[in-house]
Amino acid sequence: MKELIEFIAKSLVENPEAITISEEEGEDGTILIKLAAAQEDMGRIIGKQGRTAKAMRTLLNAKATRENKRASLQIME
């Protein structure tokens, strides 16, 4: 799941080497993916009215559902 978000994020930004992603598993089995990018690329990651971020979360949830897991995406500033 981390690879999916990494691919999408690096495709969107102008500075792909500044993308950092970490994956943590909570006690209840939920996977938390934290995404950080350069400040000038945050607008591209979030998108107009948060549409890009929502789309990434939707894709992440679809992949997690196929694997019988729960996942969430947190975009760090």
N, C-alpha and C. Protein backbone atom coordinates (compact mmCIF):
# COMPACT_ATOMS: atom_id res chain seq x y z
N MET A 1 0.81 -1.18 0.00
CA MET A 1 0.00 0.00 0.00
C MET A 1 0.87 1.26 0.00
N LYS A 2 1.97 1.18 0.69
CA LYS A 2 2.91 2.30 0.72
C LYS A 2 3.41 2.60 -0.69
N GLU A 3 3.66 1.58 -1.46
CA GLU A 3 4.18 1.74 -2.81
C GLU A 3 3.17 2.45 -3.71
N LEU A 4 1.88 2.15 -3.53
CA LEU A 4 0.83 2.79 -4.32
C LEU A 4 0.82 4.30 -4.07
N ILE A 5 0.81 4.70 -2.81
CA ILE A 5 0.79 6.12 -2.47
C ILE A 5 2.08 6.80 -2.93
N GLU A 6 3.20 6.10 -2.79
CA GLU A 6 4.48 6.67 -3.22
C GLU A 6 4.48 6.93 -4.73
N PHE A 7 3.98 5.99 -5.51
CA PHE A 7 3.92 6.14 -6.96
C PHE A 7 3.04 7.33 -7.35
N ILE A 8 1.86 7.42 -6.74
CA ILE A 8 0.94 8.51 -7.07
C ILE A 8 1.55 9.86 -6.69
N ALA A 9 2.09 9.95 -5.48
CA ALA A 9 2.63 11.22 -4.99
C ALA A 9 3.82 11.67 -5.83
N LYS A 10 4.72 10.77 -6.16
CA LYS A 10 5.90 11.14 -6.94
C LYS A 10 5.52 11.54 -8.36
N SER A 11 4.41 11.01 -8.87
CA SER A 11 3.95 11.38 -10.20
C SER A 11 3.35 12.78 -10.24
N LEU A 12 2.87 13.26 -9.10
CA LEU A 12 2.19 14.55 -9.04
C LEU A 12 3.12 15.74 -8.84
N VAL A 13 4.22 15.55 -8.14
CA VAL A 13 5.02 16.68 -7.68
C VAL A 13 6.18 17.01 -8.62
N GLU A 14 6.74 18.21 -8.45
CA GLU A 14 7.90 18.62 -9.23
C GLU A 14 9.20 18.17 -8.59
N ASN A 15 9.17 17.87 -7.29
CA ASN A 15 10.37 17.48 -6.55
C ASN A 15 10.14 16.10 -5.92
N PRO A 16 10.17 15.03 -6.72
CA PRO A 16 9.82 13.70 -6.19
C PRO A 16 10.79 13.16 -5.14
N GLU A 17 12.03 13.64 -5.13
CA GLU A 17 12.96 13.12 -4.12
C GLU A 17 12.67 13.67 -2.73
N ALA A 18 11.82 14.68 -2.63
CA ALA A 18 11.45 15.24 -1.32
C ALA A 18 10.28 14.50 -0.68
N ILE A 19 9.71 13.53 -1.37
CA ILE A 19 8.58 12.76 -0.84
C ILE A 19 9.10 11.76 0.19
N THR A 20 8.51 11.76 1.37
CA THR A 20 8.83 10.74 2.37
C THR A 20 7.52 10.10 2.83
N ILE A 21 7.56 8.79 2.93
CA ILE A 21 6.37 8.04 3.30
C ILE A 21 6.76 7.03 4.38
N SER A 22 5.96 6.99 5.43
CA SER A 22 6.17 5.98 6.46
C SER A 22 4.87 5.21 6.66
N GLU A 23 5.02 3.97 7.06
CA GLU A 23 3.87 3.09 7.25
C GLU A 23 3.93 2.52 8.66
N GLU A 24 2.84 2.69 9.40
CA GLU A 24 2.76 2.18 10.77
C GLU A 24 1.51 1.32 10.90
N GLU A 25 1.60 0.31 11.74
CA GLU A 25 0.43 -0.53 11.99
C GLU A 25 -0.03 -0.31 13.43
N GLY A 26 -1.30 0.03 13.58
CA GLY A 26 -1.86 0.27 14.89
C GLY A 26 -2.20 -1.02 15.61
N GLU A 27 -2.62 -0.88 16.86
CA GLU A 27 -2.96 -2.05 17.67
C GLU A 27 -4.15 -2.81 17.10
N ASP A 28 -5.08 -2.08 16.49
CA ASP A 28 -6.27 -2.73 15.94
C ASP A 28 -6.06 -3.25 14.52
N GLY A 29 -4.83 -3.20 14.03
CA GLY A 29 -4.53 -3.72 12.70
C GLY A 29 -4.67 -2.69 11.60
N THR A 30 -5.07 -1.48 11.94
CA THR A 30 -5.20 -0.42 10.94
C THR A 30 -3.81 0.06 10.52
N ILE A 31 -3.64 0.23 9.23
CA ILE A 31 -2.37 0.71 8.69
C ILE A 31 -2.47 2.21 8.48
N LEU A 32 -1.53 2.95 9.04
CA LEU A 32 -1.48 4.40 8.89
C LEU A 32 -0.30 4.75 8.01
N ILE A 33 -0.58 5.42 6.90
CA ILE A 33 0.47 5.85 5.99
C ILE A 33 0.60 7.36 6.11
N LYS A 34 1.81 7.81 6.44
CA LYS A 34 2.08 9.24 6.59
C LYS A 34 2.88 9.70 5.38
N LEU A 35 2.39 10.75 4.74
CA LEU A 35 2.99 11.29 3.53
C LEU A 35 3.46 12.72 3.79
N ALA A 36 4.72 13.00 3.49
CA ALA A 36 5.26 14.35 3.61
C ALA A 36 5.92 14.72 2.28
N ALA A 37 5.77 15.99 1.92
CA ALA A 37 6.35 16.48 0.67
C ALA A 37 6.91 17.88 0.90
N ALA A 38 7.63 18.38 -0.08
CA ALA A 38 8.15 19.74 0.00
C ALA A 38 6.98 20.72 0.07
N GLN A 39 7.18 21.82 0.76
CA GLN A 39 6.10 22.79 0.98
C GLN A 39 5.51 23.28 -0.34
N GLU A 40 6.35 23.50 -1.35
CA GLU A 40 5.85 24.01 -2.63
C GLU A 40 5.03 22.97 -3.41
N ASP A 41 5.13 21.71 -3.04
CA ASP A 41 4.37 20.64 -3.70
C ASP A 41 3.10 20.25 -2.96
N MET A 42 2.87 20.81 -1.78
CA MET A 42 1.70 20.41 -1.00
C MET A 42 0.39 20.71 -1.72
N GLY A 43 0.34 21.79 -2.47
CA GLY A 43 -0.87 22.12 -3.22
C GLY A 43 -1.21 21.06 -4.24
N ARG A 44 -0.19 20.49 -4.87
CA ARG A 44 -0.42 19.43 -5.86
C ARG A 44 -0.88 18.14 -5.18
N ILE A 45 -0.34 17.85 -4.00
CA ILE A 45 -0.72 16.64 -3.27
C ILE A 45 -2.16 16.74 -2.78
N ILE A 46 -2.52 17.89 -2.23
CA ILE A 46 -3.87 18.05 -1.67
C ILE A 46 -4.89 18.28 -2.78
N GLY A 47 -4.56 19.09 -3.76
CA GLY A 47 -5.46 19.34 -4.87
C GLY A 47 -6.52 20.38 -4.53
N LYS A 48 -7.24 20.79 -5.56
CA LYS A 48 -8.29 21.79 -5.39
C LYS A 48 -9.40 21.22 -4.52
N GLN A 49 -9.69 21.89 -3.43
CA GLN A 49 -10.70 21.48 -2.45
C GLN A 49 -10.45 20.07 -1.90
N GLY A 50 -9.19 19.65 -1.92
CA GLY A 50 -8.82 18.35 -1.36
C GLY A 50 -9.17 17.16 -2.23
N ARG A 51 -9.46 17.41 -3.48
CA ARG A 51 -9.91 16.31 -4.36
C ARG A 51 -8.82 15.28 -4.62
N THR A 52 -7.59 15.72 -4.80
CA THR A 52 -6.50 14.78 -5.06
C THR A 52 -6.23 13.92 -3.83
N ALA A 53 -6.22 14.54 -2.66
CA ALA A 53 -6.02 13.79 -1.42
C ALA A 53 -7.15 12.79 -1.20
N LYS A 54 -8.37 13.20 -1.49
CA LYS A 54 -9.52 12.31 -1.33
C LYS A 54 -9.42 11.13 -2.30
N ALA A 55 -8.97 11.39 -3.52
CA ALA A 55 -8.82 10.33 -4.50
C ALA A 55 -7.75 9.33 -4.06
N MET A 56 -6.63 9.83 -3.51
CA MET A 56 -5.59 8.93 -3.01
C MET A 56 -6.12 8.08 -1.86
N ARG A 57 -6.90 8.68 -0.98
CA ARG A 57 -7.48 7.92 0.14
C ARG A 57 -8.46 6.87 -0.36
N THR A 58 -9.23 7.20 -1.40
CA THR A 58 -10.17 6.24 -1.97
C THR A 58 -9.44 5.05 -2.57
N LEU A 59 -8.37 5.31 -3.32
CA LEU A 59 -7.58 4.22 -3.89
C LEU A 59 -6.92 3.37 -2.81
N LEU A 60 -6.42 4.02 -1.77
CA LEU A 60 -5.80 3.31 -0.66
C LEU A 60 -6.82 2.41 0.04
N ASN A 61 -8.02 2.93 0.28
CA ASN A 61 -9.06 2.12 0.92
C ASN A 61 -9.50 0.96 0.05
N ALA A 62 -9.54 1.16 -1.27
CA ALA A 62 -9.90 0.07 -2.18
C ALA A 62 -8.86 -1.05 -2.11
N LYS A 63 -7.59 -0.67 -2.13
CA LYS A 63 -6.52 -1.69 -2.04
C LYS A 63 -6.55 -2.39 -0.69
N ALA A 64 -6.77 -1.64 0.38
CA ALA A 64 -6.83 -2.23 1.72
C ALA A 64 -8.00 -3.19 1.84
N THR A 65 -9.13 -2.83 1.27
CA THR A 65 -10.31 -3.69 1.32
C THR A 65 -10.06 -5.00 0.59
N ARG A 66 -9.35 -4.95 -0.52
CA ARG A 66 -9.03 -6.18 -1.26
C ARG A 66 -8.15 -7.11 -0.43
N GLU A 67 -7.35 -6.53 0.47
CA GLU A 67 -6.46 -7.32 1.32
C GLU A 67 -7.07 -7.57 2.70
N ASN A 68 -8.36 -7.26 2.86
CA ASN A 68 -9.07 -7.43 4.14
C ASN A 68 -8.38 -6.69 5.28
N LYS A 69 -7.99 -5.45 5.01
CA LYS A 69 -7.34 -4.61 6.00
C LYS A 69 -8.02 -3.24 6.01
N ARG A 70 -7.62 -2.41 6.96
CA ARG A 70 -8.07 -1.02 7.01
C ARG A 70 -6.84 -0.14 6.92
N ALA A 71 -6.98 0.97 6.20
CA ALA A 71 -5.84 1.86 6.04
C ALA A 71 -6.31 3.31 6.03
N SER A 72 -5.42 4.19 6.44
CA SER A 72 -5.71 5.62 6.37
C SER A 72 -4.46 6.36 5.93
N LEU A 73 -4.67 7.50 5.31
CA LEU A 73 -3.59 8.33 4.81
C LEU A 73 -3.58 9.64 5.56
N GLN A 74 -2.42 9.99 6.09
CA GLN A 74 -2.26 11.26 6.79
C GLN A 74 -1.21 12.07 6.03
N ILE A 75 -1.60 13.27 5.61
CA ILE A 75 -0.69 14.14 4.88
C ILE A 75 -0.08 15.12 5.88
N MET A 76 1.23 15.04 6.03
CA MET A 76 1.96 15.86 7.00
C MET A 76 2.37 17.17 6.34
N GLU A 77 2.33 18.24 7.11
CA GLU A 77 2.75 19.55 6.58
C GLU A 77 4.14 19.89 7.01
